[in-house]
């Protein structure tokens, strides 16, 4: 195999790895988004619509807090453009996404204490989700918006 061909295979393999990882990250966001809306539907509350801008913001922040083992909130307006009437954010950490989201809905002890009013709000209508796993812990960021 020539050096040129070996480099091409290496680059192709690296791009495939990146694509696979990005797909997994997207799958975690999608399943968490669906879990939140399932919990809302169980209470006869309209589903959130997904907001690509909030999804990107939430995922970036989930990666940030996971890397620092933190639950620090983001600057709510950072990365959000266009018209909105309200913004909110929840951050939870647990051994699974289901535990974090379930705890938010049930209002049981998760660190930090979660404001379930955002999840069950009939006023907020858009949601972005970020999920990052590190050392067996799942960091879940939920960014909410009331659109104009």
Protein backbone atom coordinates (compact mmCIF):
# COMPACT_ATOMS: atom_id res chain seq x y z
CA UNK A 1 0.00 0.00 0.00
CA UNK A 2 1.37 3.41 -0.92
CA UNK A 3 1.78 6.15 1.67
CA UNK A 4 -0.85 8.20 -0.13
CA UNK A 5 -3.38 5.38 -0.03
CA UNK A 6 -2.61 4.68 3.66
CA UNK A 7 -3.23 8.36 4.49
CA UNK A 8 -6.53 8.26 2.57
CA UNK A 9 -7.65 5.21 4.56
CA UNK A 10 -6.61 6.85 7.83
CA UNK A 11 -8.52 10.05 7.02
CA UNK A 12 -11.56 8.06 5.88
CA UNK A 13 -11.48 6.00 9.07
CA UNK A 14 -11.21 9.12 11.23
CA UNK A 15 -14.18 10.72 9.46
CA UNK A 16 -16.21 7.55 9.94
CA UNK A 17 -15.42 7.56 13.67
CA UNK A 18 -16.51 11.20 13.94
CA UNK A 19 -19.73 10.46 12.06
CA UNK A 20 -20.52 7.48 14.29
CA UNK A 21 -19.89 9.48 17.46
CA UNK A 22 -22.00 12.39 16.22
CA UNK A 23 -24.82 9.96 15.42
CA UNK A 24 -24.73 8.56 18.96
CA UNK A 25 -24.81 12.03 20.43
CA UNK A 26 -27.77 12.94 18.25
CA UNK A 27 -29.56 9.74 19.25
CA UNK A 28 -29.20 10.60 22.96
CA UNK A 29 -30.60 14.06 22.31
CA UNK A 30 -33.53 12.68 20.34
CA UNK A 31 -34.42 9.96 22.86
CA UNK A 32 -34.24 12.45 25.75
CA UNK A 33 -36.37 14.96 23.84
CA UNK A 34 -38.94 12.21 23.20
CA UNK A 35 -38.83 11.12 26.86
CA UNK A 36 -39.61 14.67 28.00
CA UNK A 37 -42.54 14.92 25.60
CA UNK A 38 -43.83 11.50 26.65
CA UNK A 39 -43.85 12.66 30.26
CA UNK A 40 -45.71 15.82 29.22
CA UNK A 41 -48.26 13.80 27.22
CA UNK A 42 -48.93 11.64 30.29
CA UNK A 43 -50.14 14.84 31.95
CA UNK A 44 -52.11 16.05 28.90
CA UNK A 45 -49.61 18.85 28.22
CA UNK A 46 -48.76 19.76 24.63
CA UNK A 47 -45.40 18.57 23.33
CA UNK A 48 -42.43 20.92 23.04
CA UNK A 49 -41.24 21.54 19.51
CA UNK A 50 -37.56 21.00 18.96
CA UNK A 51 -35.45 24.06 18.38
CA UNK A 52 -32.20 23.34 16.49
CA UNK A 53 -30.52 26.40 17.97
CA UNK A 54 -31.41 25.33 21.51
CA UNK A 55 -30.35 21.74 20.74
CA UNK A 56 -26.89 22.97 19.73
CA UNK A 57 -26.63 25.27 22.76
CA UNK A 58 -27.75 22.55 25.18
CA UNK A 59 -25.36 19.94 23.75
CA UNK A 60 -22.39 22.30 23.91
CA UNK A 61 -23.25 23.14 27.52
CA UNK A 62 -23.76 19.48 28.48
CA UNK A 63 -20.27 18.71 27.14
CA UNK A 64 -18.88 21.72 29.04
CA UNK A 65 -20.39 20.81 32.43
CA UNK A 66 -19.52 17.12 32.02
CA UNK A 67 -15.87 17.98 31.36
CA UNK A 68 -15.84 20.01 34.59
CA UNK A 69 -18.15 17.78 36.68
CA UNK A 70 -20.28 20.86 37.26
CA UNK A 71 -23.91 21.91 37.25
CA UNK A 72 -23.18 25.55 36.48
CA UNK A 73 -25.86 27.18 34.37
CA UNK A 74 -25.11 28.82 31.04
CA UNK A 75 -25.74 32.41 30.05
CA UNK A 76 -29.30 31.91 28.85
CA UNK A 77 -29.08 34.34 25.94
CA UNK A 78 -25.76 32.96 24.67
CA UNK A 79 -26.24 31.39 21.25
CA UNK A 80 -29.92 32.28 21.04
CA UNK A 81 -30.98 34.57 18.21
CA UNK A 82 -34.30 35.75 16.91
CA UNK A 83 -37.42 36.61 18.82
CA UNK A 84 -38.25 34.98 22.13
CA UNK A 85 -40.33 35.99 25.13
CA UNK A 86 -38.68 33.80 27.78
CA UNK A 87 -35.72 31.46 28.26
CA UNK A 88 -35.07 28.90 30.98
CA UNK A 89 -32.64 26.08 31.67
CA UNK A 90 -32.48 22.91 33.77
CA UNK A 91 -29.32 20.90 34.41
CA UNK A 92 -29.36 17.52 36.08
CA UNK A 93 -26.80 14.81 36.76
CA UNK A 94 -27.55 11.16 37.41
CA UNK A 95 -26.66 7.59 36.63
CA UNK A 96 -28.99 7.59 33.61
CA UNK A 97 -30.95 10.04 31.52
CA UNK A 98 -34.16 8.37 32.68
CA UNK A 99 -33.20 8.97 36.31
CA UNK A 100 -32.52 12.66 35.67
CA UNK A 101 -35.71 13.25 33.66
CA UNK A 102 -37.81 11.07 35.97
CA UNK A 103 -36.52 12.97 38.99
CA UNK A 104 -37.33 16.27 37.34
CA UNK A 105 -40.89 15.20 36.71
CA UNK A 106 -41.39 13.59 40.13
CA UNK A 107 -39.63 16.45 41.92
CA UNK A 108 -37.42 14.05 43.89
CA UNK A 109 -33.88 14.61 45.05
CA UNK A 110 -31.44 15.05 42.22
CA UNK A 111 -28.44 17.30 42.54
CA UNK A 112 -29.02 20.13 41.87
CA UNK A 113 -32.69 20.51 42.79
CA UNK A 114 -34.65 20.75 39.55
CA UNK A 115 -37.43 23.19 38.78
CA UNK A 116 -39.98 20.84 37.24
CA UNK A 117 -42.16 23.82 36.41
CA UNK A 118 -40.10 24.31 33.25
CA UNK A 119 -40.72 20.75 32.10
CA UNK A 120 -44.42 20.91 32.79
CA UNK A 121 -44.94 24.51 31.71
CA UNK A 122 -47.83 25.23 29.37
CA UNK A 123 -46.21 28.54 28.44
CA UNK A 124 -42.76 27.42 27.27
CA UNK A 125 -43.05 25.79 23.86
CA UNK A 126 -39.56 25.02 22.52
CA UNK A 127 -36.90 22.70 23.89
CA UNK A 128 -33.25 21.95 23.26
CA UNK A 129 -31.61 18.93 24.86
CA UNK A 130 -27.97 18.16 25.56
CA UNK A 131 -26.69 14.86 26.95
CA UNK A 132 -23.10 14.06 27.84
CA UNK A 133 -21.78 11.01 29.68
CA UNK A 134 -18.59 11.07 31.71
CA UNK A 135 -17.31 8.59 34.28
CA UNK A 136 -20.65 6.82 34.56
CA UNK A 137 -22.64 10.02 35.08
CA UNK A 138 -25.07 11.57 32.64
CA UNK A 139 -25.20 15.36 32.43
CA UNK A 140 -28.51 16.52 30.98
CA UNK A 141 -29.10 20.11 29.92
CA UNK A 142 -32.59 21.24 28.97
CA UNK A 143 -32.92 24.71 27.42
CA UNK A 144 -36.43 26.09 27.06
CA UNK A 145 -37.90 28.96 25.08
CA UNK A 146 -41.19 30.74 24.70
CA UNK A 147 -41.21 31.77 21.06
CA UNK A 148 -42.75 34.98 19.74
